[in-house]
Structures are given as structure tokens and as C-alpha cells.
């Protein structure tokens, strides 16, 4: 044997690699938000995670009927929310459509090519673009599970009532239907516009709503869009009375592509005490 003397064993040295941060980029015209929502495995996973939780919420409600709906009483506030009583009404779950149960790949691919948003173009897409839409990952299975639990699925969308036939056909094609206008499908018209509270009230008058899902805070209450600044909206969503609802009746799907979440100046997004710079 070879004797080693005067040697000290040295443990392997691990060199810590510097952290790499990649800024969001536009690749071949596709913005970072679209890359994430329509192309990433992360968005797929988040959507499936949310829809699995929604199905679980429905199963729990079917076993143990709640006293109150998850729809706010008209005249309620975000600071002191009150909810529509359930009584003996049948159970229901209420969902937004666009980027909640359906991904509008055709319209957003067209937008990625450089076309600015135009209301007329969106209306045309509502009529003819349904064949290019895809179901949000996890939505079809969750909606089937809800219906199997005896829970009526209701869609509350800002798609136009004028194009109801095309929207019904799209939901059917994606395996999300059936949907009947005025019964399980509520759409925007001249009376309601983009506000949803009056439609939610009509649904809650008929059903005990045990779950709601959407990609915008307005899918839960119009109060979030009542002139609040971005910091005020975040504070309202994070206040104890509302925070307890997320994942327990109210469920948000990711949408970094468009909508009310995408606004805010530097000082609105980053509070003053978050400022940082490396030491000189």
C-alpha cells in the first residue's frame, strides 16, 4: 500500500454561479405576456391547479350546503362585504368566458402580428373565431365534475349578446357547454355594458352560487373597477374581508395579456420603501 503522509483531505469546493435574470423579451413579435399565457407550461400548470381547486370547492359545497352565496349583495362594499343568502336555491358556479374557460388563440395571434385592438375586429372574431379558440387547461374536466355533482354551470361574459349563437357554438365545440342564453349564459348588452353586477344579481336570485372564476377582478365585483388606483385595487384584494375568498369561492386565472390588471406607474407598482441600489 502506498502511504500518504503530510497530506490533508480537502472537501470539494462548490463554486456559486451568479444568478442570471432574463428580462421579458419580444420574440418574433410575440410579447412576453402572450408567451406566458398561451405558450408556457407554467400557465398550463397554474390553470389546471385553479380548476382542480374549483372542482374541489364544488364537491365540498355539494356535500355541505353553504348558508350564503359567494355573490355580494347589491349595495355591499369591499370593506364590509355581505353575501346573497342561499335559501333553498339550487347550486351553481359562475364563470367568465374569455381567458377563463377559453383561450382566444386566433385573435391574440393576429394581435401579435402587430394589429392594434379594434372593437369591430373583436366582434368579428366572436362570430367567426370560435374554431381557433382552445379550452383553458383543466376547465373541461372541472366543469364536467361540477355538473356531475349537481351544480349548474353558468357563464357570465362580456361577449356581445348579438353574437350569442356563435358563443354558444364555441362553448359546445370546446366541450364546455351546454349554455342557454338568459339561463346559463349571460352576455353584454346595451343595458349592462361591461358591468357584471346586475347579471350576477340575476344569477344569484335564481341560484346559490358556490364558486366564481375569472381573469379580471371585475369578474367578482364591479366595485374593483369603481375608480380605484392600482395600489387601491391591490389593497382591496388583500384586505382580510376579501382575501379570505381567494381559493375559497373566488378563483382567479392568469392573464398577463390584457385587462384591468395591466396598468400602474412606477410609483404605483413599486412602493417608495422598495427602492434599492447596490453599494458603490
Protein backbone atom coordinates (compact mmCIF):
# COMPACT_ATOMS: atom_id res chain seq x y z
CA UNK A 1 0.00 0.00 0.00
CA UNK A 2 1.13 3.50 -0.72
CA UNK A 3 1.37 5.50 2.48
CA UNK A 4 0.41 9.14 2.21
CA UNK A 5 1.95 11.39 4.80
CA UNK A 6 1.68 15.08 5.28
CA UNK A 7 -1.49 15.28 3.21
CA UNK A 8 -4.70 16.97 4.30
CA UNK A 9 -8.01 15.90 2.81
CA UNK A 10 -9.77 18.82 1.15
CA UNK A 11 -13.53 18.80 0.59
CA UNK A 12 -14.73 19.53 -2.96
CA UNK A 13 -15.37 23.24 -3.46
CA UNK A 14 -18.70 24.27 -4.93
CA UNK A 15 -18.50 27.48 -6.90
CA UNK A 16 -21.71 29.50 -6.62
CA UNK A 17 -22.75 30.58 -10.08
CA UNK A 18 -24.01 34.15 -10.43
CA UNK A 19 -27.77 34.50 -10.63
CA UNK A 20 -29.00 35.17 -14.14
CA UNK A 21 -32.04 37.36 -14.65
CA UNK A 22 -33.58 37.43 -18.09
CA UNK A 23 -35.78 40.41 -18.83
CA UNK A 24 -39.08 39.75 -20.66
CA UNK A 25 -38.48 39.89 -24.39
CA UNK A 26 -40.49 40.03 -27.56
CA UNK A 27 -39.67 37.06 -29.78
CA UNK A 28 -40.79 37.29 -33.40
CA UNK A 29 -43.38 39.84 -32.36
CA UNK A 30 -44.84 37.77 -29.52
CA UNK A 31 -44.99 39.82 -26.29
CA UNK A 32 -43.86 38.26 -23.01
CA UNK A 33 -47.43 38.09 -21.67
CA UNK A 34 -48.60 36.08 -24.67
CA UNK A 35 -45.54 33.82 -24.44
CA UNK A 36 -46.55 33.10 -20.86
CA UNK A 37 -50.32 32.69 -21.14
CA UNK A 38 -50.62 30.89 -24.46
CA UNK A 39 -47.31 29.07 -24.71
CA UNK A 40 -45.82 28.26 -21.33
CA UNK A 41 -46.02 25.13 -19.23
CA UNK A 42 -46.21 27.38 -16.17
CA UNK A 43 -49.51 28.91 -17.29
CA UNK A 44 -50.86 25.46 -18.11
CA UNK A 45 -49.94 24.28 -14.60
CA UNK A 46 -51.48 27.32 -12.88
CA UNK A 47 -54.72 26.91 -14.84
CA UNK A 48 -55.00 23.22 -14.01
CA UNK A 49 -54.23 23.99 -10.38
CA UNK A 50 -57.00 26.59 -10.27
CA UNK A 51 -59.58 24.39 -11.98
CA UNK A 52 -58.79 21.46 -9.70
CA UNK A 53 -59.44 23.76 -6.73
CA UNK A 54 -62.70 24.96 -8.30
CA UNK A 55 -63.90 21.38 -8.74
CA UNK A 56 -62.97 20.71 -5.11
CA UNK A 57 -64.94 23.75 -3.98
CA UNK A 58 -67.97 22.46 -5.81
CA UNK A 59 -67.66 18.97 -4.36
CA UNK A 60 -67.43 20.42 -0.84
CA UNK A 61 -70.49 22.60 -1.39
CA UNK A 62 -72.46 19.64 -2.75
CA UNK A 63 -71.69 17.65 0.42
CA UNK A 64 -72.18 20.50 2.87
CA UNK A 65 -74.57 23.12 1.57
CA UNK A 66 -73.43 26.68 2.38
CA UNK A 67 -75.67 29.22 4.03
CA UNK A 68 -74.60 32.09 1.78
CA UNK A 69 -73.65 32.51 -1.84
CA UNK A 70 -70.26 33.95 -2.87
CA UNK A 71 -72.02 36.80 -4.74
CA UNK A 72 -72.01 40.17 -3.00
CA UNK A 73 -75.34 41.70 -2.06
CA UNK A 74 -76.08 44.79 -4.15
CA UNK A 75 -75.13 47.82 -2.07
CA UNK A 76 -72.37 45.90 -0.32
CA UNK A 77 -68.82 47.27 -0.09
CA UNK A 78 -65.38 45.67 -0.40
CA UNK A 79 -64.54 46.83 3.11
CA UNK A 80 -67.67 45.22 4.56
CA UNK A 81 -68.89 42.59 2.09
CA UNK A 82 -72.26 40.93 2.52
CA UNK A 83 -73.40 37.93 0.52
CA UNK A 84 -76.66 36.79 -1.04
CA UNK A 85 -78.33 34.12 1.15
CA UNK A 86 -78.74 30.71 -0.47
CA UNK A 87 -82.07 29.61 0.95
CA UNK A 88 -83.31 26.56 -0.92
CA UNK A 89 -81.96 27.65 -4.33
CA UNK A 90 -80.09 25.07 -6.45
CA UNK A 91 -76.29 25.25 -6.51
CA UNK A 92 -74.38 26.94 -9.32
CA UNK A 93 -70.87 28.02 -10.29
CA UNK A 94 -70.36 31.17 -12.39
CA UNK A 95 -67.51 31.62 -14.84
CA UNK A 96 -66.22 34.30 -17.17
CA UNK A 97 -65.50 33.02 -20.70
CA UNK A 98 -62.51 34.69 -22.34
CA UNK A 99 -59.16 33.62 -20.86
CA UNK A 100 -61.09 31.87 -18.07
CA UNK A 101 -62.64 28.88 -19.84
CA UNK A 102 -61.50 29.69 -23.40
CA UNK A 103 -58.16 30.92 -24.77
CA UNK A 104 -58.60 33.16 -27.81
CA UNK A 105 -55.58 31.97 -29.77
CA UNK A 106 -56.79 33.21 -33.14
CA UNK A 107 -57.46 36.76 -32.04
CA UNK A 108 -54.28 37.11 -29.99
CA UNK A 109 -52.11 35.55 -32.71
CA UNK A 110 -53.49 38.21 -35.04
CA UNK A 111 -52.69 40.87 -32.42
CA UNK A 112 -49.15 39.54 -32.03
CA UNK A 113 -48.66 40.19 -35.74
CA UNK A 114 -48.96 43.90 -34.96
CA UNK A 115 -52.65 44.69 -35.26
CA UNK A 116 -53.92 47.13 -32.62
CA UNK A 117 -57.10 46.24 -30.73
CA UNK A 118 -60.28 47.26 -32.53
CA UNK A 119 -63.76 46.66 -31.17
CA UNK A 120 -65.10 45.82 -34.65
CA UNK A 121 -62.36 43.24 -35.13
CA UNK A 122 -63.18 41.61 -31.79
CA UNK A 123 -66.87 41.46 -32.70
CA UNK A 124 -65.93 39.78 -35.98
CA UNK A 125 -63.79 37.31 -34.02
CA UNK A 126 -66.74 36.49 -31.74
CA UNK A 127 -68.67 35.41 -34.85
CA UNK A 128 -66.02 33.54 -36.82
CA UNK A 129 -63.06 32.92 -34.49
CA UNK A 130 -64.52 30.22 -32.27
CA UNK A 131 -62.82 27.45 -34.23
CA UNK A 132 -59.41 28.88 -33.28
CA UNK A 133 -60.13 29.00 -29.54
CA UNK A 134 -58.91 26.36 -27.11
CA UNK A 135 -60.27 25.35 -23.72
CA UNK A 136 -58.24 26.60 -20.77
CA UNK A 137 -56.25 23.65 -19.38
CA UNK A 138 -58.27 21.87 -16.71
CA UNK A 139 -61.56 23.66 -17.43
CA UNK A 140 -63.35 20.88 -19.30
CA UNK A 141 -62.70 18.22 -16.65
CA UNK A 142 -63.59 20.57 -13.79
CA UNK A 143 -66.84 21.68 -15.41
CA UNK A 144 -67.81 18.07 -16.03
CA UNK A 145 -67.09 17.28 -12.38
CA UNK A 146 -69.20 20.21 -11.21
CA UNK A 147 -72.15 19.13 -13.30
CA UNK A 148 -71.74 15.55 -12.07
CA UNK A 149 -72.02 16.94 -8.52
CA UNK A 150 -75.37 18.51 -9.39
CA UNK A 151 -74.00 22.05 -9.76
CA UNK A 152 -75.29 24.17 -12.64
CA UNK A 153 -72.55 25.89 -14.63
CA UNK A 154 -73.36 29.48 -15.63
CA UNK A 155 -71.26 31.69 -17.90
CA UNK A 156 -71.20 35.47 -17.34
CA UNK A 157 -69.31 37.06 -20.21
CA UNK A 158 -68.75 40.48 -21.76
CA UNK A 159 -69.09 38.95 -25.20
CA UNK A 160 -71.90 40.63 -27.13
CA UNK A 161 -75.46 39.36 -26.83
CA UNK A 162 -75.76 39.99 -30.58
CA UNK A 163 -73.29 37.15 -31.18
CA UNK A 164 -74.82 34.73 -28.70
CA UNK A 165 -75.31 31.93 -31.23
CA UNK A 166 -71.59 31.91 -32.09
CA UNK A 167 -70.57 31.95 -28.42
CA UNK A 168 -72.88 29.03 -27.65
CA UNK A 169 -71.38 27.12 -30.58
CA UNK A 170 -67.84 27.82 -29.37
CA UNK A 171 -68.60 26.61 -25.83
CA UNK A 172 -70.15 23.45 -27.25
CA UNK A 173 -67.20 22.80 -29.56
CA UNK A 174 -64.73 23.14 -26.68
CA UNK A 175 -66.68 20.70 -24.53
CA UNK A 176 -67.74 23.41 -22.08
CA UNK A 177 -71.44 23.57 -22.94
CA UNK A 178 -74.34 23.35 -22.94
CA UNK A 179 -75.20 27.01 -22.45
CA UNK A 180 -78.55 28.72 -22.88
CA UNK A 181 -78.86 32.48 -23.21
CA UNK A 182 -80.64 34.02 -20.22
CA UNK A 183 -80.44 30.77 -18.26
CA UNK A 184 -76.85 29.58 -18.14
CA UNK A 185 -75.25 32.19 -20.41
CA UNK A 186 -75.36 35.92 -19.63
CA UNK A 187 -73.84 38.38 -22.11
CA UNK A 188 -73.17 42.07 -22.51
CA UNK A 189 -75.93 44.20 -23.98
CA UNK A 190 -76.79 47.90 -24.19
CA UNK A 191 -78.30 47.82 -20.69
CA UNK A 192 -75.35 46.26 -18.86
CA UNK A 193 -72.32 47.10 -20.99
CA UNK A 194 -69.16 45.70 -19.41
CA UNK A 195 -70.55 45.87 -15.86
CA UNK A 196 -71.43 42.44 -14.48
CA UNK A 197 -73.04 43.10 -11.10
CA UNK A 198 -76.60 43.27 -12.45
CA UNK A 199 -76.10 39.96 -14.25
CA UNK A 200 -74.56 38.42 -11.11
CA UNK A 201 -77.58 39.61 -9.13
CA UNK A 202 -79.94 37.95 -11.60
CA UNK A 203 -77.98 34.70 -11.38
CA UNK A 204 -77.80 34.82 -7.56
CA UNK A 205 -81.57 35.41 -7.39
CA UNK A 206 -82.02 32.04 -9.07
CA UNK A 207 -79.07 30.05 -7.74
CA UNK A 208 -76.89 29.55 -4.69
CA UNK A 209 -73.56 30.45 -6.28
CA UNK A 210 -70.80 28.42 -4.60
CA UNK A 211 -67.87 29.40 -6.85
CA UNK A 212 -66.92 32.15 -9.29
CA UNK A 213 -63.88 32.27 -11.55
CA UNK A 214 -62.44 34.90 -13.87
CA UNK A 215 -59.25 36.54 -15.09
CA UNK A 216 -60.20 40.09 -14.01
CA UNK A 217 -61.29 41.41 -10.60
CA UNK A 218 -64.44 42.71 -12.28
CA UNK A 219 -65.46 39.06 -12.69
CA UNK A 220 -66.18 39.10 -8.95
CA UNK A 221 -67.46 42.62 -8.31
CA UNK A 222 -67.74 45.86 -10.28
CA UNK A 223 -66.55 47.61 -7.11
CA UNK A 224 -62.96 46.75 -8.05
CA UNK A 225 -63.35 48.94 -11.14
CA UNK A 226 -65.01 51.90 -9.42
CA UNK A 227 -62.20 54.40 -9.99
CA UNK A 228 -59.61 52.69 -7.79
CA UNK A 229 -55.93 53.25 -8.46
CA UNK A 230 -53.70 50.16 -8.86
CA UNK A 231 -52.48 50.37 -5.23
CA UNK A 232 -56.07 50.76 -4.01
CA UNK A 233 -57.23 47.74 -6.03
CA UNK A 234 -54.38 45.63 -4.66
CA UNK A 235 -55.15 46.77 -1.12
CA UNK A 236 -58.83 45.93 -1.61
CA UNK A 237 -57.98 42.43 -2.88
CA UNK A 238 -55.61 41.93 0.05
CA UNK A 239 -57.89 43.24 2.81
CA UNK A 240 -58.94 40.46 5.24
CA UNK A 241 -62.64 40.59 4.32
CA UNK A 242 -61.86 39.89 0.66
CA UNK A 243 -58.56 37.97 0.95
CA UNK A 244 -60.33 35.06 2.63
CA UNK A 245 -62.37 34.48 -0.55
CA UNK A 246 -59.45 33.73 -2.89
CA UNK A 247 -59.34 29.99 -3.38
CA UNK A 248 -62.41 29.60 -1.18
CA UNK A 249 -65.22 30.68 -3.51
CA UNK A 250 -63.42 33.19 -5.74
CA UNK A 251 -60.79 31.86 -8.15
CA UNK A 252 -58.52 33.94 -10.43
CA UNK A 253 -56.99 32.64 -13.67
CA UNK A 254 -53.76 34.19 -15.06
CA UNK A 255 -53.95 36.87 -17.76
CA UNK A 256 -50.84 38.99 -18.35
CA UNK A 257 -52.04 39.87 -21.88
CA UNK A 258 -54.86 42.39 -21.45
CA UNK A 259 -57.32 43.82 -18.96
CA UNK A 260 -57.63 45.98 -15.87
CA UNK A 261 -54.56 44.49 -14.17
CA UNK A 262 -52.15 45.94 -16.73
CA UNK A 263 -51.74 49.50 -15.54
CA UNK A 264 -49.79 51.47 -12.95
CA UNK A 265 -46.95 53.98 -12.88
CA UNK A 266 -43.58 53.10 -11.38
CA UNK A 267 -44.51 54.63 -8.02
CA UNK A 268 -47.87 52.81 -8.06
CA UNK A 269 -46.38 49.40 -8.77
CA UNK A 270 -43.33 49.79 -6.51
CA UNK A 271 -43.82 51.45 -3.08
CA UNK A 272 -41.25 54.03 -2.03
CA UNK A 273 -39.68 51.74 0.58
CA UNK A 274 -38.88 49.14 -2.08
CA UNK A 275 -36.20 51.31 -3.74
CA UNK A 276 -32.80 49.63 -3.84
CA UNK A 277 -29.41 50.17 -5.44
CA UNK A 278 -26.12 48.29 -4.98
CA UNK A 279 -23.49 49.76 -2.71
CA UNK A 280 -20.97 51.95 -4.60
